[in-house]
Amino acid sequence: MSDFKTYRKKQMENPEFREEYEAMRPEFEITRALIAARTSENLTQKELSEKSGIRQSNISRIESGVTSPTVATLEALAAGMGKRLVISFESLTPKEGTL
């Protein structure tokens, strides 16, 4: 296990840390999804900037977690990668009769 994963696992034992971490989960997921999509297309931030019309500095700030993108920005980034943006809601608890 990486040092970060070990550290995070230990910190998650603290209820206050866990609550704050869970509150930030959507931002973490956006960041991970954007980086994964961009790298799967073998694009640099600069190349994605040129294809999407979003400044490279803005892409950097989104990917580093400094700022949260708008839906319009995410749509432009997706289009620049030849993808479409999909947003979904998931149940917090399993539906009755499912595991």
Protein backbone atom coordinates (compact mmCIF):
# COMPACT_ATOMS: atom_id res chain seq x y z
CA MET A 1 0.00 0.00 0.00
CA SER A 2 1.31 3.47 -0.85
CA ASP A 3 2.32 5.86 1.89
CA PHE A 4 -0.64 8.09 1.05
CA LYS A 5 -3.14 5.22 1.18
CA THR A 6 -1.71 4.08 4.51
CA TYR A 7 -1.90 7.63 5.87
CA ARG A 8 -5.47 8.13 4.58
CA LYS A 9 -6.60 4.79 6.02
CA LYS A 10 -5.25 5.80 9.43
CA GLN A 11 -6.82 9.27 9.21
CA MET A 12 -10.20 7.79 8.23
CA GLU A 13 -10.38 6.33 11.75
CA ASN A 14 -10.89 9.91 12.98
CA PRO A 15 -14.64 10.71 12.64
CA GLU A 16 -14.01 14.42 11.96
CA PHE A 17 -11.50 13.67 9.22
CA ARG A 18 -13.77 11.02 7.69
CA GLU A 19 -16.73 13.42 7.64
CA GLU A 20 -14.71 16.17 5.91
CA TYR A 21 -13.16 13.69 3.47
CA GLU A 22 -16.60 12.36 2.52
CA ALA A 23 -17.90 15.90 2.06
CA MET A 24 -15.12 16.52 -0.46
CA ARG A 25 -15.57 13.22 -2.31
CA PRO A 26 -17.39 14.74 -5.34
CA GLU A 27 -14.50 17.16 -5.98
CA PHE A 28 -11.98 14.30 -5.70
CA GLU A 29 -14.01 12.22 -8.13
CA ILE A 30 -14.24 15.05 -10.67
CA THR A 31 -10.49 15.55 -10.49
CA ARG A 32 -9.74 11.83 -10.87
CA ALA A 33 -12.23 11.44 -13.74
CA LEU A 34 -10.83 14.42 -15.65
CA ILE A 35 -7.21 13.30 -15.29
CA ALA A 36 -8.11 9.72 -16.25
CA ALA A 37 -10.07 10.84 -19.32
CA ARG A 38 -7.35 13.23 -20.46
CA THR A 39 -4.52 10.73 -20.03
CA SER A 40 -6.53 7.94 -21.69
CA GLU A 41 -6.69 10.19 -24.76
CA ASN A 42 -2.92 10.81 -24.48
CA LEU A 43 -3.51 14.55 -24.21
CA THR A 44 -1.43 17.05 -22.30
CA GLN A 45 -3.18 19.87 -20.50
CA LYS A 46 -1.99 22.20 -23.26
CA GLU A 47 -3.43 19.97 -25.99
CA LEU A 48 -6.74 19.69 -24.15
CA SER A 49 -6.76 23.46 -23.76
CA GLU A 50 -6.36 23.91 -27.51
CA LYS A 51 -9.13 21.38 -28.27
CA SER A 52 -11.59 22.59 -25.62
CA GLY A 53 -11.04 26.33 -25.52
CA ILE A 54 -10.44 26.14 -21.76
CA ARG A 55 -7.18 27.80 -20.68
CA GLN A 56 -4.42 25.42 -19.66
CA SER A 57 -4.04 27.26 -16.36
CA ASN A 58 -7.73 26.58 -15.59
CA ILE A 59 -7.32 22.89 -16.42
CA SER A 60 -4.31 22.78 -14.09
CA ARG A 61 -6.28 24.41 -11.26
CA ILE A 62 -9.15 21.94 -11.72
CA GLU A 63 -6.83 18.94 -11.80
CA SER A 64 -4.94 20.11 -8.70
CA GLY A 65 -8.19 20.65 -6.78
CA VAL A 66 -7.68 24.40 -6.41
CA THR A 67 -10.97 25.20 -8.12
CA SER A 68 -14.20 23.41 -8.93
CA PRO A 69 -15.33 23.50 -12.57
CA THR A 70 -18.78 24.50 -13.75
CA VAL A 71 -20.91 22.07 -15.71
CA ALA A 72 -20.29 24.20 -18.82
CA THR A 73 -16.52 23.87 -18.32
CA LEU A 74 -16.81 20.10 -17.86
CA GLU A 75 -18.89 19.90 -21.04
CA ALA A 76 -16.27 21.85 -22.99
CA LEU A 77 -13.48 19.64 -21.65
CA ALA A 78 -15.44 16.50 -22.52
CA ALA A 79 -16.08 17.77 -26.05
CA GLY A 80 -12.38 18.57 -26.41
CA MET A 81 -11.64 14.91 -25.67
CA GLY A 82 -14.33 13.66 -28.04
CA LYS A 83 -16.46 12.59 -25.10
CA ARG A 84 -19.75 13.62 -23.56
CA LEU A 85 -20.33 14.56 -19.95
CA VAL A 86 -22.48 12.13 -17.96
CA ILE A 87 -23.68 12.95 -14.44
CA SER A 88 -25.50 10.42 -12.28
CA PHE A 89 -26.89 10.01 -8.80
CA GLU A 90 -26.28 6.83 -6.83
CA SER A 91 -28.20 5.47 -3.90
CA LEU A 92 -26.44 5.68 -0.55
CA THR A 93 -28.02 2.42 0.57
CA PRO A 94 -28.79 -0.73 -1.42
CA LYS A 95 -32.39 -1.13 -2.57
CA GLU A 96 -34.44 -3.72 -0.75
CA GLY A 97 -33.86 -7.18 -2.23
CA THR A 98 -30.39 -6.36 -3.60
CA LEU A 99 -26.97 -6.89 -2.15
